[in-house]
Amino acid sequence: MRSSLNVGHFQSIMYGITVRLRRFEMDSISVNKFRDNLKNFVEQVVTNHLPLKVTRRSGDDFVVVSADDWEREQETLYVLQNTDLMKQIADSMDSNVKGQAYHPTDGEIDEITGI
């Protein structure tokens, strides 16, 4: 049984920064269908960057997610949980809003981008 993708948005204010997160219900299939079509479902997860929930009759369900997507999620969680980093981001955004942000020279931008 596959559920439809239901995307919703919610936001939270953390350290003075409005964080918008996407929340959705992922596709769901039985473990038997997953096993029978493993290659196709793995390709779908990797290509579409959408996780897949696999349900089991007796036992906990599990989620299949691509390694790249997993790493991105872990990086996001690290940033959101890092109080010092979130404070730096909030301070930087505040400086930018007030017009006090640092503006690199053309030469610095070229050096940063490698041009």
N, C-alpha and C. Protein backbone atom coordinates (compact mmCIF):
# COMPACT_ATOMS: atom_id res chain seq x y z
N MET A 1 0.84 -1.18 0.00
CA MET A 1 0.00 0.00 0.00
C MET A 1 0.89 1.24 0.00
N ARG A 2 0.67 2.12 -0.91
CA ARG A 2 1.46 3.34 -0.99
C ARG A 2 0.61 4.51 -0.55
N SER A 3 1.19 5.31 0.32
CA SER A 3 0.48 6.53 0.69
C SER A 3 0.94 7.65 -0.22
N SER A 4 0.10 8.64 -0.38
CA SER A 4 0.48 9.75 -1.24
C SER A 4 1.39 10.70 -0.49
N LEU A 5 2.20 11.40 -1.23
CA LEU A 5 3.12 12.36 -0.65
C LEU A 5 2.34 13.59 -0.21
N ASN A 6 2.40 13.89 1.05
CA ASN A 6 1.66 15.01 1.60
C ASN A 6 2.68 15.99 2.17
N VAL A 7 2.93 17.07 1.45
CA VAL A 7 3.94 18.02 1.87
C VAL A 7 3.28 19.16 2.62
N GLY A 8 3.82 19.47 3.78
CA GLY A 8 3.35 20.61 4.55
C GLY A 8 4.56 21.40 5.01
N HIS A 9 4.33 22.61 5.42
CA HIS A 9 5.43 23.44 5.90
C HIS A 9 5.09 23.93 7.29
N PHE A 10 6.08 24.02 8.13
CA PHE A 10 5.90 24.66 9.41
C PHE A 10 7.17 25.41 9.71
N GLN A 11 7.07 26.37 10.60
CA GLN A 11 8.24 27.16 10.89
C GLN A 11 8.40 27.31 12.39
N SER A 12 9.61 27.54 12.78
CA SER A 12 9.95 27.72 14.18
C SER A 12 10.97 28.85 14.26
N ILE A 13 10.96 29.56 15.35
CA ILE A 13 11.94 30.62 15.52
C ILE A 13 12.98 30.13 16.51
N MET A 14 14.23 30.08 16.05
CA MET A 14 15.34 29.62 16.87
C MET A 14 16.42 30.68 16.83
N TYR A 15 16.82 31.14 17.99
CA TYR A 15 17.89 32.13 18.10
C TYR A 15 17.57 33.37 17.26
N GLY A 16 16.31 33.72 17.18
CA GLY A 16 15.92 34.88 16.40
C GLY A 16 15.85 34.63 14.90
N ILE A 17 16.07 33.39 14.48
CA ILE A 17 16.04 33.03 13.07
C ILE A 17 14.79 32.20 12.81
N THR A 18 14.03 32.58 11.80
CA THR A 18 12.86 31.78 11.44
C THR A 18 13.34 30.61 10.59
N VAL A 19 13.09 29.41 11.08
CA VAL A 19 13.50 28.20 10.39
C VAL A 19 12.25 27.56 9.79
N ARG A 20 12.24 27.40 8.48
CA ARG A 20 11.11 26.77 7.81
C ARG A 20 11.50 25.34 7.47
N LEU A 21 10.72 24.42 7.96
CA LEU A 21 10.99 23.02 7.72
C LEU A 21 9.87 22.41 6.90
N ARG A 22 10.25 21.50 6.04
CA ARG A 22 9.27 20.78 5.23
C ARG A 22 8.89 19.51 5.96
N ARG A 23 7.62 19.27 6.06
CA ARG A 23 7.16 18.04 6.70
C ARG A 23 6.28 17.32 5.69
N PHE A 24 6.48 16.04 5.53
CA PHE A 24 5.67 15.31 4.58
C PHE A 24 5.51 13.88 5.03
N GLU A 25 4.47 13.26 4.51
CA GLU A 25 4.27 11.83 4.70
C GLU A 25 4.94 11.15 3.52
N MET A 26 5.80 10.22 3.81
CA MET A 26 6.52 9.56 2.73
C MET A 26 5.73 8.38 2.18
N ASP A 27 6.11 7.95 0.99
CA ASP A 27 5.52 6.74 0.42
C ASP A 27 5.79 5.59 1.37
N SER A 28 4.85 4.67 1.43
CA SER A 28 4.93 3.54 2.33
C SER A 28 4.59 2.26 1.56
N ILE A 29 5.42 1.24 1.74
CA ILE A 29 5.17 -0.05 1.08
C ILE A 29 5.44 -1.17 2.09
N SER A 30 4.93 -2.34 1.77
CA SER A 30 5.16 -3.50 2.64
C SER A 30 6.58 -4.03 2.42
N VAL A 31 7.08 -4.71 3.41
CA VAL A 31 8.42 -5.28 3.31
C VAL A 31 8.48 -6.32 2.18
N ASN A 32 7.38 -7.01 1.93
CA ASN A 32 7.36 -8.01 0.86
C ASN A 32 7.52 -7.34 -0.51
N LYS A 33 6.78 -6.23 -0.74
CA LYS A 33 6.92 -5.51 -2.00
C LYS A 33 8.31 -4.91 -2.14
N PHE A 34 8.84 -4.42 -1.03
CA PHE A 34 10.19 -3.85 -1.05
C PHE A 34 11.20 -4.92 -1.44
N ARG A 35 11.12 -6.07 -0.82
CA ARG A 35 12.04 -7.17 -1.11
C ARG A 35 11.93 -7.62 -2.57
N ASP A 36 10.69 -7.73 -3.07
CA ASP A 36 10.48 -8.20 -4.43
C ASP A 36 10.98 -7.21 -5.49
N ASN A 37 11.01 -5.92 -5.14
CA ASN A 37 11.41 -4.88 -6.10
C ASN A 37 12.53 -4.02 -5.54
N LEU A 38 13.44 -4.63 -4.82
CA LEU A 38 14.50 -3.92 -4.12
C LEU A 38 15.26 -2.96 -5.03
N LYS A 39 15.72 -3.44 -6.16
CA LYS A 39 16.52 -2.61 -7.06
C LYS A 39 15.75 -1.37 -7.52
N ASN A 40 14.50 -1.54 -7.90
CA ASN A 40 13.69 -0.41 -8.37
C ASN A 40 13.44 0.61 -7.26
N PHE A 41 13.12 0.14 -6.06
CA PHE A 41 12.84 1.06 -4.97
C PHE A 41 14.10 1.81 -4.53
N VAL A 42 15.22 1.13 -4.49
CA VAL A 42 16.47 1.81 -4.13
C VAL A 42 16.80 2.87 -5.17
N GLU A 43 16.65 2.56 -6.43
CA GLU A 43 16.90 3.53 -7.50
C GLU A 43 15.97 4.73 -7.36
N GLN A 44 14.72 4.49 -7.03
CA GLN A 44 13.73 5.56 -6.83
C GLN A 44 14.15 6.47 -5.68
N VAL A 45 14.57 5.89 -4.57
CA VAL A 45 15.00 6.67 -3.40
C VAL A 45 16.21 7.54 -3.73
N VAL A 46 17.18 6.95 -4.42
CA VAL A 46 18.41 7.68 -4.75
C VAL A 46 18.14 8.76 -5.78
N THR A 47 17.36 8.46 -6.79
CA THR A 47 17.10 9.40 -7.88
C THR A 47 16.19 10.56 -7.46
N ASN A 48 15.11 10.25 -6.74
CA ASN A 48 14.12 11.26 -6.39
C ASN A 48 14.42 11.98 -5.07
N HIS A 49 15.40 11.50 -4.34
CA HIS A 49 15.77 12.09 -3.04
C HIS A 49 14.57 12.15 -2.09
N LEU A 50 13.76 11.10 -2.12
CA LEU A 50 12.64 10.99 -1.20
C LEU A 50 12.77 9.68 -0.44
N PRO A 51 12.65 9.73 0.89
CA PRO A 51 12.75 8.49 1.67
C PRO A 51 11.55 7.58 1.41
N LEU A 52 11.71 6.32 1.74
CA LEU A 52 10.66 5.33 1.55
C LEU A 52 10.46 4.57 2.85
N LYS A 53 9.24 4.56 3.36
CA LYS A 53 8.93 3.84 4.59
C LYS A 53 8.53 2.41 4.24
N VAL A 54 9.17 1.46 4.89
CA VAL A 54 8.88 0.04 4.65
C VAL A 54 8.21 -0.50 5.91
N THR A 55 7.00 -1.03 5.74
CA THR A 55 6.22 -1.52 6.88
C THR A 55 6.33 -3.02 7.01
N ARG A 56 6.32 -3.47 8.26
CA ARG A 56 6.37 -4.90 8.55
C ARG A 56 5.18 -5.27 9.41
N ARG A 57 4.61 -6.43 9.15
CA ARG A 57 3.45 -6.87 9.93
C ARG A 57 3.78 -7.03 11.41
N SER A 58 4.87 -7.68 11.67
CA SER A 58 5.26 -7.91 13.07
C SER A 58 6.64 -7.29 13.29
N GLY A 59 6.64 -6.13 13.83
CA GLY A 59 7.91 -5.45 14.07
C GLY A 59 7.85 -4.00 13.67
N ASP A 60 8.90 -3.31 13.98
CA ASP A 60 8.97 -1.89 13.67
C ASP A 60 9.19 -1.66 12.18
N ASP A 61 8.63 -0.56 11.70
CA ASP A 61 8.85 -0.14 10.32
C ASP A 61 10.26 0.44 10.21
N PHE A 62 10.75 0.59 8.99
CA PHE A 62 12.05 1.23 8.78
C PHE A 62 11.98 2.13 7.56
N VAL A 63 12.95 3.01 7.44
CA VAL A 63 12.98 3.98 6.36
C VAL A 63 14.24 3.79 5.54
N VAL A 64 14.10 3.85 4.21
CA VAL A 64 15.23 3.77 3.30
C VAL A 64 15.47 5.18 2.78
N VAL A 65 16.72 5.65 2.91
CA VAL A 65 17.08 6.99 2.47
C VAL A 65 18.46 6.91 1.82
N SER A 66 18.71 7.76 0.82
CA SER A 66 20.01 7.73 0.16
C SER A 66 21.09 8.23 1.10
N ALA A 67 22.31 7.80 0.89
CA ALA A 67 23.44 8.22 1.73
C ALA A 67 23.65 9.73 1.66
N ASP A 68 23.53 10.31 0.48
CA ASP A 68 23.68 11.77 0.33
C ASP A 68 22.63 12.52 1.14
N ASP A 69 21.39 12.06 1.06
CA ASP A 69 20.32 12.71 1.81
C ASP A 69 20.53 12.56 3.31
N TRP A 70 20.99 11.39 3.74
CA TRP A 70 21.27 11.15 5.16
C TRP A 70 22.35 12.11 5.66
N GLU A 71 23.41 12.26 4.89
CA GLU A 71 24.50 13.16 5.28
C GLU A 71 24.00 14.60 5.37
N ARG A 72 23.19 15.03 4.41
CA ARG A 72 22.63 16.39 4.46
C ARG A 72 21.78 16.60 5.70
N GLU A 73 20.96 15.61 6.02
CA GLU A 73 20.11 15.71 7.22
C GLU A 73 20.97 15.80 8.48
N GLN A 74 22.03 15.02 8.53
CA GLN A 74 22.91 15.06 9.70
C GLN A 74 23.60 16.41 9.82
N GLU A 75 24.03 16.99 8.71
CA GLU A 75 24.65 18.32 8.73
C GLU A 75 23.66 19.36 9.22
N THR A 76 22.42 19.28 8.74
CA THR A 76 21.38 20.22 9.16
C THR A 76 21.12 20.10 10.66
N LEU A 77 21.01 18.88 11.14
CA LEU A 77 20.80 18.68 12.58
C LEU A 77 21.97 19.22 13.39
N TYR A 78 23.19 19.03 12.90
CA TYR A 78 24.37 19.53 13.60
C TYR A 78 24.30 21.06 13.72
N VAL A 79 23.98 21.72 12.62
CA VAL A 79 23.91 23.19 12.63
C VAL A 79 22.81 23.65 13.57
N LEU A 80 21.62 23.06 13.48
CA LEU A 80 20.50 23.47 14.31
C LEU A 80 20.75 23.22 15.80
N GLN A 81 21.55 22.21 16.12
CA GLN A 81 21.82 21.89 17.53
C GLN A 81 23.04 22.61 18.08
N ASN A 82 23.81 23.25 17.21
CA ASN A 82 25.03 23.93 17.63
C ASN A 82 24.68 25.37 18.04
N THR A 83 24.59 25.60 19.33
CA THR A 83 24.16 26.90 19.85
C THR A 83 25.07 28.02 19.38
N ASP A 84 26.38 27.82 19.42
CA ASP A 84 27.31 28.88 19.00
C ASP A 84 27.15 29.21 17.52
N LEU A 85 27.02 28.20 16.70
CA LEU A 85 26.88 28.42 15.26
C LEU A 85 25.56 29.13 14.95
N MET A 86 24.47 28.71 15.60
CA MET A 86 23.18 29.36 15.37
C MET A 86 23.23 30.82 15.83
N LYS A 87 23.94 31.10 16.90
CA LYS A 87 24.09 32.49 17.36
C LYS A 87 24.87 33.31 16.34
N GLN A 88 25.94 32.73 15.77
CA GLN A 88 26.71 33.42 14.74
C GLN A 88 25.84 33.72 13.52
N ILE A 89 25.02 32.77 13.12
CA ILE A 89 24.14 32.95 11.97
C ILE A 89 23.13 34.06 12.28
N ALA A 90 22.55 34.04 13.48
CA ALA A 90 21.58 35.06 13.86
C ALA A 90 22.23 36.44 13.88
N ASP A 91 23.44 36.54 14.45
CA ASP A 91 24.15 37.82 14.49
C ASP A 91 24.47 38.31 13.08
N SER A 92 24.87 37.40 12.21
CA SER A 92 25.20 37.76 10.84
C SER A 92 23.96 38.26 10.10
N MET A 93 22.85 37.58 10.29
CA MET A 93 21.60 38.02 9.65
C MET A 93 21.18 39.38 10.18
N ASP A 94 21.35 39.61 11.47
CA ASP A 94 21.01 40.89 12.07
C ASP A 94 21.88 42.01 11.49
N SER A 95 23.17 41.75 11.36
CA SER A 95 24.09 42.73 10.77
C SER A 95 23.70 43.04 9.33
N ASN A 96 23.33 42.02 8.60
CA ASN A 96 22.94 42.20 7.20
C ASN A 96 21.68 43.05 7.09
N VAL A 97 20.70 42.77 7.93
CA VAL A 97 19.44 43.52 7.92
C VAL A 97 19.69 45.00 8.23
N LYS A 98 20.63 45.26 9.14
CA LYS A 98 20.95 46.63 9.54
C LYS A 98 21.88 47.33 8.55
N GLY A 99 22.29 46.60 7.50
CA GLY A 99 23.20 47.18 6.51
C GLY A 99 24.64 47.26 6.99
N GLN A 100 24.97 46.49 8.01
CA GLN A 100 26.31 46.50 8.57
C GLN A 100 27.11 45.26 8.19
N ALA A 101 26.62 44.51 7.24
CA ALA A 101 27.28 43.26 6.85
C ALA A 101 28.59 43.53 6.12
N TYR A 102 29.50 42.59 6.20
CA TYR A 102 30.77 42.69 5.49
C TYR A 102 30.53 42.41 4.02
N HIS A 103 31.10 43.21 3.16
CA HIS A 103 30.98 43.01 1.72
C HIS A 103 32.39 42.81 1.15
N PRO A 104 32.69 41.59 0.69
CA PRO A 104 34.03 41.34 0.15
C PRO A 104 34.27 42.12 -1.14
N THR A 105 35.54 42.40 -1.37
CA THR A 105 35.92 43.09 -2.61
C THR A 105 35.80 42.11 -3.78
N ASP A 106 35.85 42.62 -5.00
CA ASP A 106 35.82 41.76 -6.17
C ASP A 106 36.98 40.77 -6.15
N GLY A 107 38.14 41.24 -5.71
CA GLY A 107 39.32 40.37 -5.63
C GLY A 107 39.11 39.25 -4.63
N GLU A 108 38.49 39.55 -3.47
CA GLU A 108 38.21 38.51 -2.47
C GLU A 108 37.19 37.52 -3.00
N ILE A 109 36.21 38.00 -3.71
CA ILE A 109 35.22 37.08 -4.29
C ILE A 109 35.87 36.16 -5.31
N ASP A 110 36.76 36.72 -6.14
CA ASP A 110 37.47 35.90 -7.12
C ASP A 110 38.32 34.84 -6.42
N GLU A 111 38.95 35.22 -5.31
CA GLU A 111 39.80 34.28 -4.57
C GLU A 111 38.95 33.17 -3.95
N ILE A 112 37.80 33.54 -3.43
CA ILE A 112 36.91 32.56 -2.80
C ILE A 112 36.36 31.58 -3.84
N THR A 113 35.96 32.11 -4.99
CA THR A 113 35.34 31.26 -6.00
C THR A 113 36.36 30.57 -6.91
N GLY A 114 37.63 30.99 -6.80
CA GLY A 114 38.66 30.36 -7.60
C GLY A 114 38.72 30.85 -9.03
N ILE A 115 38.15 32.01 -9.30
CA ILE A 115 38.14 32.56 -10.66
C ILE A 115 39.40 33.37 -10.88
